[in-house]
PDB file of N, CA and C in Angstrom:
ATOM      1  N   MET A   1     111.209  65.733  35.062  1.00  0.00           N
ATOM      2  CA  MET A   1     112.262  65.437  36.007  1.00  0.00           C
ATOM      3  C   MET A   1     112.182  66.431  37.149  1.00  0.00           C
ATOM      4  N   ILE A   2     112.304  65.945  38.350  1.00  0.00           N
ATOM      5  CA  ILE A   2     112.323  66.797  39.529  1.00  0.00           C
ATOM      6  C   ILE A   2     113.743  66.830  40.065  1.00  0.00           C
ATOM      7  N   LEU A   3     114.250  68.029  40.286  1.00  0.00           N
ATOM      8  CA  LEU A   3     115.556  68.200  40.889  1.00  0.00           C
ATOM      9  C   LEU A   3     115.385  69.201  42.011  1.00  0.00           C
ATOM     10  N   THR A   4     115.409  68.732  43.240  1.00  0.00           N
ATOM     11  CA  THR A   4     115.166  69.598  44.390  1.00  0.00           C
ATOM     12  C   THR A   4     115.874  69.039  45.615  1.00  0.00           C
ATOM     13  N   LYS A   5     116.074  69.886  46.580  1.00  0.00           N
ATOM     14  CA  LYS A   5     116.652  69.464  47.847  1.00  0.00           C
ATOM     15  C   LYS A   5     115.605  68.636  48.589  1.00  0.00           C
ATOM     16  N   ALA A   6     116.024  67.526  49.187  1.00  0.00           N
ATOM     17  CA  ALA A   6     115.081  66.630  49.862  1.00  0.00           C
ATOM     18  C   ALA A   6     115.661  66.141  51.178  1.00  0.00           C
ATOM     19  N   LYS A   7     114.764  65.738  52.068  1.00  0.00           N
ATOM     20  CA  LYS A   7     115.154  65.154  53.349  1.00  0.00           C
ATOM     21  C   LYS A   7     114.586  63.745  53.411  1.00  0.00           C
ATOM     22  N   PHE A   8     115.450  62.779  53.687  1.00  0.00           N
ATOM     23  CA  PHE A   8     115.006  61.392  53.816  1.00  0.00           C
ATOM     24  C   PHE A   8     114.264  61.248  55.130  1.00  0.00           C
ATOM     25  N   GLU A   9     113.034  60.711  55.079  1.00  0.00           N
ATOM     26  CA  GLU A   9     112.197  60.597  56.267  1.00  0.00           C
ATOM     27  C   GLU A   9     112.158  59.179  56.841  1.00  0.00           C
ATOM     28  N   LYS A  10     111.832  58.197  55.985  1.00  0.00           N
ATOM     29  CA  LYS A  10     111.731  56.829  56.505  1.00  0.00           C
ATOM     30  C   LYS A  10     111.789  55.808  55.379  1.00  0.00           C
ATOM     31  N   ILE A  11     111.941  54.562  55.803  1.00  0.00           N
ATOM     32  CA  ILE A  11     111.933  53.436  54.870  1.00  0.00           C
ATOM     33  C   ILE A  11     110.980  52.383  55.420  1.00  0.00           C
ATOM     34  N   THR A  12     110.184  51.801  54.531  1.00  0.00           N
ATOM     35  CA  THR A  12     109.294  50.701  54.888  1.00  0.00           C
ATOM     36  C   THR A  12     109.738  49.499  54.060  1.00  0.00           C
ATOM     37  N   ARG A  13     110.145  48.443  54.754  1.00  0.00           N
ATOM     38  CA  ARG A  13     110.643  47.251  54.053  1.00  0.00           C
ATOM     39  C   ARG A  13     109.529  46.219  53.898  1.00  0.00           C
ATOM     40  N   MET A  14     109.407  45.687  52.673  1.00  0.00           N
ATOM     41  CA  MET A  14     108.435  44.641  52.379  1.00  0.00           C
ATOM     42  C   MET A  14     109.187  43.473  51.743  1.00  0.00           C
ATOM     43  N   LYS A  15     108.482  42.386  51.460  1.00  0.00           N
ATOM     44  CA  LYS A  15     109.147  41.211  50.889  1.00  0.00           C
ATOM     45  C   LYS A  15     109.729  41.490  49.507  1.00  0.00           C
ATOM     46  N   THR A  16     108.974  42.188  48.666  1.00  0.00           N
ATOM     47  CA  THR A  16     109.394  42.357  47.282  1.00  0.00           C
ATOM     48  C   THR A  16     109.883  43.758  46.934  1.00  0.00           C
ATOM     49  N   LYS A  17     109.736  44.703  47.865  1.00  0.00           N
ATOM     50  CA  LYS A  17     110.173  46.066  47.563  1.00  0.00           C
ATOM     51  C   LYS A  17     110.391  46.840  48.863  1.00  0.00           C
ATOM     52  N   GLN A  18     110.913  48.038  48.712  1.00  0.00           N
ATOM     53  CA  GLN A  18     111.092  48.951  49.841  1.00  0.00           C
ATOM     54  C   GLN A  18     110.519  50.297  49.446  1.00  0.00           C
ATOM     55  N   ASN A  19     109.790  50.914  50.346  1.00  0.00           N
ATOM     56  CA  ASN A  19     109.250  52.252  50.095  1.00  0.00           C
ATOM     57  C   ASN A  19     110.098  53.276  50.834  1.00  0.00           C
ATOM     58  N   LEU A  20     110.573  54.262  50.109  1.00  0.00           N
ATOM     59  CA  LEU A  20     111.348  55.345  50.685  1.00  0.00           C
ATOM     60  C   LEU A  20     110.473  56.595  50.717  1.00  0.00           C
ATOM     61  N   VAL A  21     110.545  57.344  51.800  1.00  0.00           N
ATOM     62  CA  VAL A  21     109.765  58.570  51.923  1.00  0.00           C
ATOM     63  C   VAL A  21     110.730  59.736  52.080  1.00  0.00           C
ATOM     64  N   PHE A  22     110.569  60.719  51.207  1.00  0.00           N
ATOM     65  CA  PHE A  22     111.357  61.942  51.256  1.00  0.00           C
ATOM     66  C   PHE A  22     110.407  63.123  51.429  1.00  0.00           C
ATOM     67  N   SER A  23     110.868  64.171  52.081  1.00  0.00           N
ATOM     68  CA  SER A  23     110.074  65.395  52.152  1.00  0.00           C
ATOM     69  C   SER A  23     110.850  66.513  51.455  1.00  0.00           C
ATOM     70  N   ILE A  24     110.105  67.396  50.785  1.00  0.00           N
ATOM     71  CA  ILE A  24     110.705  68.529  50.089  1.00  0.00           C
ATOM     72  C   ILE A  24     109.922  69.788  50.438  1.00  0.00           C
ATOM     73  N   LYS A  25     110.575  70.943  50.254  1.00  0.00           N
ATOM     74  CA  LYS A  25     109.911  72.212  50.531  1.00  0.00           C
ATOM     75  C   LYS A  25     109.330  72.827  49.260  1.00  0.00           C
ATOM     76  N   ASP A  26     109.883  72.469  48.123  1.00  0.00           N
ATOM     77  CA  ASP A  26     109.433  73.050  46.855  1.00  0.00           C
ATOM     78  C   ASP A  26     108.074  72.511  46.441  1.00  0.00           C
ATOM     79  N   GLU A  27     107.321  73.342  45.756  1.00  0.00           N
ATOM     80  CA  GLU A  27     106.022  72.933  45.200  1.00  0.00           C
ATOM     81  C   GLU A  27     106.261  72.223  43.866  1.00  0.00           C
ATOM     82  N   ILE A  28     105.596  71.108  43.663  1.00  0.00           N
ATOM     83  CA  ILE A  28     105.698  70.382  42.396  1.00  0.00           C
ATOM     84  C   ILE A  28     104.424  70.643  41.614  1.00  0.00           C
ATOM     85  N   PRO A  29     104.545  71.160  40.376  1.00  0.00           N
ATOM     86  CA  PRO A  29     103.350  71.413  39.567  1.00  0.00           C
ATOM     87  C   PRO A  29     102.547  70.125  39.351  1.00  0.00           C
ATOM     88  N   GLN A  30     101.241  70.243  39.342  1.00  0.00           N
ATOM     89  CA  GLN A  30     100.356  69.078  39.232  1.00  0.00           C
ATOM     90  C   GLN A  30     100.633  68.270  37.969  1.00  0.00           C
ATOM     91  N   ILE A  31     100.966  68.930  36.884  1.00  0.00           N
ATOM     92  CA  ILE A  31     101.233  68.199  35.634  1.00  0.00           C
ATOM     93  C   ILE A  31     102.424  67.259  35.804  1.00  0.00           C
ATOM     94  N   GLU A  32     103.426  67.684  36.566  1.00  0.00           N
ATOM     95  CA  GLU A  32     104.572  66.813  36.819  1.00  0.00           C
ATOM     96  C   GLU A  32     104.190  65.669  37.749  1.00  0.00           C
ATOM     97  N   VAL A  33     103.369  65.952  38.745  1.00  0.00           N
ATOM     98  CA  VAL A  33     102.910  64.913  39.663  1.00  0.00           C
ATOM     99  C   VAL A  33     102.165  63.843  38.881  1.00  0.00           C
ATOM    100  N   ASP A  34     101.283  64.264  37.966  1.00  0.00           N
ATOM    101  CA  ASP A  34     100.518  63.314  37.155  1.00  0.00           C
ATOM    102  C   ASP A  34     101.440  62.416  36.330  1.00  0.00           C
ATOM    103  N   GLN A  35     102.536  62.990  35.836  1.00  0.00           N
ATOM    104  CA  GLN A  35     103.475  62.208  35.029  1.00  0.00           C
ATOM    105  C   GLN A  35     104.307  61.258  35.894  1.00  0.00           C
ATOM    106  N   LEU A  36     104.495  61.607  37.162  1.00  0.00           N
ATOM    107  CA  LEU A  36     105.330  60.799  38.048  1.00  0.00           C
ATOM    108  C   LEU A  36     104.602  59.608  38.663  1.00  0.00           C
ATOM    109  N   ILE A  37     103.296  59.733  38.859  1.00  0.00           N
ATOM    110  CA  ILE A  37     102.546  58.688  39.551  1.00  0.00           C
ATOM    111  C   ILE A  37     102.700  57.359  38.819  1.00  0.00           C
ATOM    112  N   MET A  38     103.153  56.372  39.559  1.00  0.00           N
ATOM    113  CA  MET A  38     103.372  55.000  39.084  1.00  0.00           C
ATOM    114  C   MET A  38     104.426  54.907  37.979  1.00  0.00           C
ATOM    115  N   GLY A  39     105.167  55.966  37.761  1.00  0.00           N
ATOM    116  CA  GLY A  39     106.249  55.922  36.783  1.00  0.00           C
ATOM    117  C   GLY A  39     107.513  55.353  37.404  1.00  0.00           C
ATOM    118  N   GLU A  40     108.422  54.962  36.565  1.00  0.00           N
ATOM    119  CA  GLU A  40     109.723  54.484  37.033  1.00  0.00           C
ATOM    120  C   GLU A  40     110.770  55.460  36.561  1.00  0.00           C
ATOM    121  N   GLY A  41     111.799  55.615  37.366  1.00  0.00           N
ATOM    122  CA  GLY A  41     112.885  56.517  37.020  1.00  0.00           C
ATOM    123  C   GLY A  41     114.086  56.230  37.894  1.00  0.00           C
ATOM    124  N   TRP A  42     114.969  57.196  37.993  1.00  0.00           N
ATOM    125  CA  TRP A  42     116.189  57.052  38.773  1.00  0.00           C
ATOM    126  C   TRP A  42     116.157  58.025  39.938  1.00  0.00           C
ATOM    127  N   LEU A  43     116.624  57.581  41.080  1.00  0.00           N
ATOM    128  CA  LEU A  43     116.698  58.415  42.265  1.00  0.00           C
ATOM    129  C   LEU A  43     118.171  58.583  42.630  1.00  0.00           C
ATOM    130  N   ALA A  44     118.605  59.825  42.768  1.00  0.00           N
ATOM    131  CA  ALA A  44     119.960  60.118  43.240  1.00  0.00           C
ATOM    132  C   ALA A  44     119.812  60.933  44.515  1.00  0.00           C
ATOM    133  N   PHE A  45     120.293  60.390  45.606  1.00  0.00           N
ATOM    134  CA  PHE A  45     120.203  61.086  46.892  1.00  0.00           C
ATOM    135  C   PHE A  45     121.563  60.996  47.545  1.00  0.00           C
ATOM    136  N   ASN A  46     122.116  62.157  47.903  1.00  0.00           N
ATOM    137  CA  ASN A  46     123.457  62.184  48.461  1.00  0.00           C
ATOM    138  C   ASN A  46     123.498  63.170  49.617  1.00  0.00           C
ATOM    139  N   PRO A  47     123.406  62.694  50.851  1.00  0.00           N
ATOM    140  CA  PRO A  47     123.355  63.604  51.996  1.00  0.00           C
ATOM    141  C   PRO A  47     124.715  64.081  52.493  1.00  0.00           C
ATOM    142  N   ASP A  48     125.803  63.679  51.865  1.00  0.00           N
ATOM    143  CA  ASP A  48     127.104  64.040  52.408  1.00  0.00           C
ATOM    144  C   ASP A  48     127.537  65.452  52.017  1.00  0.00           C
ATOM    145  N   GLU A  49     128.746  65.803  52.388  1.00  0.00           N
ATOM    146  CA  GLU A  49     129.250  67.162  52.206  1.00  0.00           C
ATOM    147  C   GLU A  49     129.414  67.568  50.743  1.00  0.00           C
ATOM    148  N   TYR A  50     129.379  66.623  49.830  1.00  0.00           N
ATOM    149  CA  TYR A  50     129.582  66.940  48.418  1.00  0.00           C
ATOM    150  C   TYR A  50     128.271  67.088  47.652  1.00  0.00           C
ATOM    151  N   ARG A  51     127.127  67.070  48.345  1.00  0.00           N
ATOM    152  CA  ARG A  51     125.839  67.095  47.660  1.00  0.00           C
ATOM    153  C   ARG A  51     125.660  68.338  46.798  1.00  0.00           C
ATOM    154  N   ALA A  52     126.138  69.485  47.253  1.00  0.00           N
ATOM    155  CA  ALA A  52     125.983  70.708  46.473  1.00  0.00           C
ATOM    156  C   ALA A  52     126.712  70.592  45.138  1.00  0.00           C
ATOM    157  N   LYS A  53     127.896  69.995  45.161  1.00  0.00           N
ATOM    158  CA  LYS A  53     128.651  69.818  43.921  1.00  0.00           C
ATOM    159  C   LYS A  53     127.956  68.832  42.989  1.00  0.00           C
ATOM    160  N   VAL A  54     127.421  67.762  43.559  1.00  0.00           N
ATOM    161  CA  VAL A  54     126.707  66.764  42.753  1.00  0.00           C
ATOM    162  C   VAL A  54     125.464  67.391  42.130  1.00  0.00           C
ATOM    163  N   LEU A  55     124.698  68.142  42.920  1.00  0.00           N
ATOM    164  CA  LEU A  55     123.503  68.809  42.399  1.00  0.00           C
ATOM    165  C   LEU A  55     123.859  69.794  41.295  1.00  0.00           C
ATOM    166  N   ALA A  56     124.945  70.512  41.468  1.00  0.00           N
ATOM    167  CA  ALA A  56     125.365  71.470  40.456  1.00  0.00           C
ATOM    168  C   ALA A  56     125.712  70.766  39.149  1.00  0.00           C
ATOM    169  N   ILE A  57     126.380  69.650  39.256  1.00  0.00           N
ATOM    170  CA  ILE A  57     126.728  68.891  38.056  1.00  0.00           C
ATOM    171  C   ILE A  57     125.470  68.395  37.361  1.00  0.00           C
ATOM    172  N   ILE A  58     124.544  67.837  38.142  1.00  0.00           N
ATOM    173  CA  ILE A  58     123.289  67.334  37.570  1.00  0.00           C
ATOM    174  C   ILE A  58     122.485  68.468  36.949  1.00  0.00           C
ATOM    175  N   ALA A  59     122.383  69.587  37.652  1.00  0.00           N
ATOM    176  CA  ALA A  59     121.565  70.704  37.184  1.00  0.00           C
ATOM    177  C   ALA A  59     122.141  71.350  35.929  1.00  0.00           C
ATOM    178  N   ASN A  60     123.442  71.371  35.794  1.00  0.00           N
ATOM    179  CA  ASN A  60     124.070  72.111  34.706  1.00  0.00           C
ATOM    180  C   ASN A  60     124.605  71.243  33.576  1.00  0.00           C
ATOM    181  N   LYS A  61     124.553  69.941  33.728  1.00  0.00           N
ATOM    182  CA  LYS A  61     125.133  69.058  32.722  1.00  0.00           C
ATOM    183  C   LYS A  61     124.128  68.771  31.615  1.00  0.00           C
ATOM    184  N   ARG A  62     124.499  69.086  30.420  1.00  0.00           N
ATOM    185  CA  ARG A  62     123.669  68.712  29.274  1.00  0.00           C
ATOM    186  C   ARG A  62     124.119  67.333  28.827  1.00  0.00           C
ATOM    187  N   ILE A  63     123.191  66.431  28.633  1.00  0.00           N
ATOM    188  CA  ILE A  63     123.521  65.052  28.294  1.00  0.00           C
ATOM    189  C   ILE A  63     124.317  65.012  26.993  1.00  0.00           C
ATOM    190  N   GLY A  64     125.442  64.324  27.044  1.00  0.00           N
ATOM    191  CA  GLY A  64     126.270  64.152  25.864  1.00  0.00           C
ATOM    192  C   GLY A  64     127.163  65.344  25.549  1.00  0.00           C
ATOM    193  N   VAL A  65     127.214  66.331  26.413  1.00  0.00           N
ATOM    194  CA  VAL A  65     128.033  67.513  26.151  1.00  0.00           C
ATOM    195  C   VAL A  65     129.147  67.577  27.185  1.00  0.00           C
ATOM    196  N   GLN A  66     130.377  67.595  26.723  1.00  0.00           N
ATOM    197  CA  GLN A  66     131.531  67.701  27.612  1.00  0.00           C
ATOM    198  C   GLN A  66     131.796  69.168  27.924  1.00  0.00           C
ATOM    199  N   ASP A  67     132.501  69.414  29.041  1.00  0.00           N
ATOM    200  CA  ASP A  67     132.826  70.792  29.422  1.00  0.00           C
ATOM    201  C   ASP A  67     133.534  71.545  28.306  1.00  0.00           C
ATOM    202  N   ASP A  68     134.414  70.854  27.578  1.00  0.00           N
ATOM    203  CA  ASP A  68     135.150  71.545  26.518  1.00  0.00           C
ATOM    204  C   ASP A  68     134.269  71.857  25.305  1.00  0.00           C
ATOM    205  N   GLU A  69     133.031  71.349  25.279  1.00  0.00           N
ATOM    206  CA  GLU A  69     132.094  71.671  24.200  1.00  0.00           C
ATOM    207  C   GLU A  69     131.176  72.827  24.575  1.00  0.00           C
ATOM    208  N   LEU A  70     131.251  73.293  25.826  1.00  0.00           N
ATOM    209  CA  LEU A  70     130.432  74.417  26.261  1.00  0.00           C
ATOM    210  C   LEU A  70     131.090  75.724  25.853  1.00  0.00           C
ATOM    211  N   THR A  71     130.285  76.760  25.710  1.00  0.00           N
ATOM    212  CA  THR A  71     130.841  78.076  25.435  1.00  0.00           C
ATOM    213  C   THR A  71     131.516  78.592  26.704  1.00  0.00           C
ATOM    214  N   PHE A  72     132.321  79.631  26.554  1.00  0.00           N
ATOM    215  CA  PHE A  72     132.980  80.212  27.716  1.00  0.00           C
ATOM    216  C   PHE A  72     131.953  80.735  28.720  1.00  0.00           C
ATOM    217  N   SER A  73     130.884  81.337  28.213  1.00  0.00           N
ATOM    218  CA  SER A  73     129.873  81.875  29.128  1.00  0.00           C
ATOM    219  C   SER A  73     129.147  80.757  29.871  1.00  0.00           C
ATOM    220  N   GLU A  74     128.906  79.621  29.224  1.00  0.00           N
ATOM    221  CA  GLU A  74     128.269  78.485  29.891  1.00  0.00           C
ATOM    222  C   GLU A  74     129.192  77.913  30.971  1.00  0.00           C
ATOM    223  N   ARG A  75     130.483  77.848  30.661  1.00  0.00           N
ATOM    224  CA  ARG A  75     131.438  77.349  31.647  1.00  0.00           C
ATOM    225  C   ARG A  75     131.536  78.288  32.838  1.00  0.00           C
ATOM    226  N   LEU A  76     131.562  79.595  32.584  1.00  0.00           N
ATOM    227  CA  LEU A  76     131.616  80.568  33.675  1.00  0.00           C
ATOM    228  C   LEU A  76     130.373  80.464  34.550  1.00  0.00           C
ATOM    229  N   ARG A  77     129.218  80.329  33.923  1.00  0.00           N
ATOM    230  CA  ARG A  77     127.969  80.212  34.686  1.00  0.00           C
ATOM    231  C   ARG A  77     127.988  78.974  35.582  1.00  0.00           C
ATOM    232  N   LYS A  78     128.492  77.851  35.075  1.00  0.00           N
ATOM    233  CA  LYS A  78     128.589  76.628  35.872  1.00  0.00           C
ATOM    234  C   LYS A  78     129.497  76.835  37.084  1.00  0.00           C
ATOM    235  N   VAL A  79     130.626  77.489  36.868  1.00  0.00           N
ATOM    236  CA  VAL A  79     131.556  77.736  37.971  1.00  0.00           C
ATOM    237  C   VAL A  79     130.908  78.650  39.008  1.00  0.00           C
ATOM    238  N   LEU A  80     130.243  79.707  38.565  1.00  0.00           N
ATOM    239  CA  LEU A  80     129.578  80.612  39.502  1.00  0.00           C
ATOM    240  C   LEU A  80     128.464  79.895  40.259  1.00  0.00           C
ATOM    241  N   TYR A  81     127.788  78.960  39.604  1.00  0.00           N
ATOM    242  CA  TYR A  81     126.758  78.176  40.284  1.00  0.00           C
ATOM    243  C   TYR A  81     127.378  77.344  41.407  1.00  0.00           C
ATOM    244  N   LEU A  82     128.493  76.677  41.118  1.00  0.00           N
ATOM    245  CA  LEU A  82     129.166  75.873  42.135  1.00  0.00           C
ATOM    246  C   LEU A  82     129.603  76.731  43.322  1.00  0.00           C
ATOM    247  N   VAL A  83     130.137  77.914  43.039  1.00  0.00           N
ATOM    248  CA  VAL A  83     130.574  78.812  44.113  1.00  0.00           C
ATOM    249  C   VAL A  83     129.381  79.254  44.951  1.00  0.00           C
ATOM    250  N   SER A  84     128.261  79.599  44.302  1.00  0.00           N
ATOM    251  CA  SER A  84     127.080  80.034  45.057  1.00  0.00           C
ATOM    252  C   SER A  84     126.556  78.917  45.949  1.00  0.00           C
ATOM    253  N   GLU A  85     126.587  77.674  45.460  1.00  0.00           N
ATOM    254  CA  GLU A  85     126.163  76.533  46.268  1.00  0.00           C
ATOM    255  C   GLU A  85     127.110  76.327  47.445  1.00  0.00           C
ATOM    256  N   GLU A  86     128.396  76.480  47.186  1.00  0.00           N
ATOM    257  CA  GLU A  86     129.396  76.311  48.241  1.00  0.00           C
ATOM    258  C   GLU A  86     129.218  77.364  49.332  1.00  0.00           C
ATOM    259  N   LYS A  87     128.873  78.588  48.920  1.00  0.00           N
ATOM    260  CA  LYS A  87     128.665  79.676  49.869  1.00  0.00           C
ATOM    261  C   LYS A  87     127.278  79.643  50.497  1.00  0.00           C
ATOM    262  N   GLY A  88     126.364  78.878  49.914  1.00  0.00           N
ATOM    263  CA  GLY A  88     125.010  78.778  50.438  1.00  0.00           C
ATOM    264  C   GLY A  88     124.172  80.018  50.184  1.00  0.00           C
ATOM    265  N   VAL A  89     124.406  80.673  49.036  1.00  0.00           N
ATOM    266  CA  VAL A  89     123.662  81.888  48.697  1.00  0.00           C
ATOM    267  C   VAL A  89     122.799  81.647  47.467  1.00  0.00           C
ATOM    268  N   ASP A  90     121.803  82.510  47.270  1.00  0.00           N
ATOM    269  CA  ASP A  90     120.914  82.414  46.113  1.00  0.00           C
ATOM    270  C   ASP A  90     121.714  82.604  44.828  1.00  0.00           C
ATOM    271  N   PHE A  91     121.572  81.647  43.896  1.00  0.00           N
ATOM    272  CA  PHE A  91     122.383  81.687  42.681  1.00  0.00           C
ATOM    273  C   PHE A  91     122.099  82.914  41.823  1.00  0.00           C
ATOM    274  N   GLU A  92     120.844  83.224  41.571  1.00  0.00           N
ATOM    275  CA  GLU A  92     120.514  84.337  40.674  1.00  0.00           C
ATOM    276  C   GLU A  92     121.088  85.655  41.193  1.00  0.00           C
ATOM    277  N   THR A  93     120.970  85.882  42.492  1.00  0.00           N
ATOM    278  CA  THR A  93     121.515  87.098  43.092  1.00  0.00           C
ATOM    279  C   THR A  93     123.034  87.103  42.989  1.00  0.00           C
ATOM    280  N   TYR A  94     123.640  85.987  43.350  1.00  0.00           N
ATOM    281  CA  TYR A  94     125.100  85.879  43.305  1.00  0.00           C
ATOM    282  C   TYR A  94     125.608  86.067  41.877  1.00  0.00           C
ATOM    283  N   TYR A  95     124.943  85.437  40.921  1.00  0.00           N
ATOM    284  CA  TYR A  95     125.350  85.536  39.517  1.00  0.00           C
ATOM    285  C   TYR A  95     125.295  86.984  39.040  1.00  0.00           C
ATOM    286  N   SER A  96     124.210  87.690  39.352  1.00  0.00           N
ATOM    287  CA  SER A  96     124.062  89.091  38.940  1.00  0.00           C
ATOM    288  C   SER A  96     125.162  89.950  39.536  1.00  0.00           C
ATOM    289  N   GLU A  97     125.410  89.775  40.823  1.00  0.00           N
ATOM    290  CA  GLU A  97     126.431  90.581  41.495  1.00  0.00           C
ATOM    291  C   GLU A  97     127.830  90.288  40.963  1.00  0.00           C
ATOM    292  N   GLU A  98     128.140  89.020  40.753  1.00  0.00           N
ATOM    293  CA  GLU A  98     129.465  88.657  40.256  1.00  0.00           C
ATOM    294  C   GLU A  98     129.681  89.135  38.816  1.00  0.00           C
ATOM    295  N   MET A  99     128.667  88.990  37.978  1.00  0.00           N
ATOM    296  CA  MET A  99     128.804  89.461  36.594  1.00  0.00           C
ATOM    297  C   MET A  99     129.000  90.973  36.567  1.00  0.00           C
ATOM    298  N   GLU A 100     128.265  91.684  37.399  1.00  0.00           N
ATOM    299  CA  GLU A 100     128.428  93.140  37.473  1.00  0.00           C
ATOM    300  C   GLU A 100     129.830  93.493  37.970  1.00  0.00           C
ATOM    301  N   ARG A 101     130.315  92.750  38.960  1.00  0.00           N
ATOM    302  CA  ARG A 101     131.666  92.991  39.478  1.00  0.00           C
ATOM    303  C   ARG A 101     132.709  92.763  38.387  1.00  0.00           C
ATOM    304  N   ILE A 102     132.564  91.700  37.609  1.00  0.00           N
ATOM    305  CA  ILE A 102     133.498  91.396  36.521  1.00  0.00           C
ATOM    306  C   ILE A 102     133.451  92.490  35.459  1.00  0.00           C
ATOM    307  N   ILE A 103     132.257  92.911  35.086  1.00  0.00           N
ATOM    308  CA  ILE A 103     132.097  93.967  34.079  1.00  0.00           C
ATOM    309  C   ILE A 103     132.761  95.259  34.544  1.00  0.00           C
ATOM    310  N   GLN A 104     132.499  95.641  35.794  1.00  0.00           N
ATOM    311  CA  GLN A 104     133.084  96.869  36.329  1.00  0.00           C
ATOM    312  C   GLN A 104     134.607  96.779  36.390  1.00  0.00           C
ATOM    313  N   HIS A 105     135.118  95.614  36.730  1.00  0.00           N
ATOM    314  CA  HIS A 105     136.565  95.418  36.778  1.00  0.00           C
ATOM    315  C   HIS A 105     137.199  95.720  35.419  1.00  0.00           C
ATOM    316  N   TYR A 106     136.639  95.140  34.359  1.00  0.00           N
ATOM    317  CA  TYR A 106     137.239  95.328  33.036  1.00  0.00           C
ATOM    318  C   TYR A 106     136.986  96.731  32.492  1.00  0.00           C
ATOM    319  N   LYS A 107     135.862  97.320  32.812  1.00  0.00           N
ATOM    320  CA  LYS A 107     135.608  98.700  32.396  1.00  0.00           C
ATOM    321  C   LYS A 107     136.630  99.633  33.044  1.00  0.00           C
ATOM    322  N   PHE A 108     136.855  99.460  34.334  1.00  0.00           N
ATOM    323  CA  PHE A 108     137.801 100.320  35.065  1.00  0.00           C
ATOM    324  C   PHE A 108     139.219 100.100  34.567  1.00  0.00           C
ATOM    325  N   LYS A 109     139.578  98.861  34.304  1.00  0.00           N
ATOM    326  CA  LYS A 109     140.947  98.533  33.919  1.00  0.00           C
ATOM    327  C   LYS A 109     141.277  98.960  32.486  1.00  0.00           C
ATOM    328  N   TYR A 110     140.338  98.837  31.567  1.00  0.00           N
ATOM    329  CA  TYR A 110     140.664  99.021  30.148  1.00  0.00           C
ATOM    330  C   TYR A 110     139.958 100.186  29.468  1.00  0.00           C
ATOM    331  N   LEU A 111     138.936 100.774  30.075  1.00  0.00           N
ATOM    332  CA  LEU A 111     138.217 101.841  29.389  1.00  0.00           C
ATOM    333  C   LEU A 111     138.412 103.187  30.045  1.00  0.00           C
TER     334      LEU A 111
END
């Protein structure tokens, strides 16, 4: 499965099908390309203002698992991911800084 930011480039209409062309900046490993060629799957493309939230849900949602079945740490990570997407910052950096800030807060307050 490929999950990446994409830009819609063009559409070619034919009698029996339509070809959509997207461009991406990320590198796709050759093994994934080999699996994708002539394969069928699902395409989700959402260029509107809510795309970051949709991507976060797709990226963090485990199939068949509801939010209330996630651990507290998994739920916190999902929320921090959504915030980082909303702010437009790198998730790993944001996550590290926020977790450190939370840890320092509780250390200062209770220890």
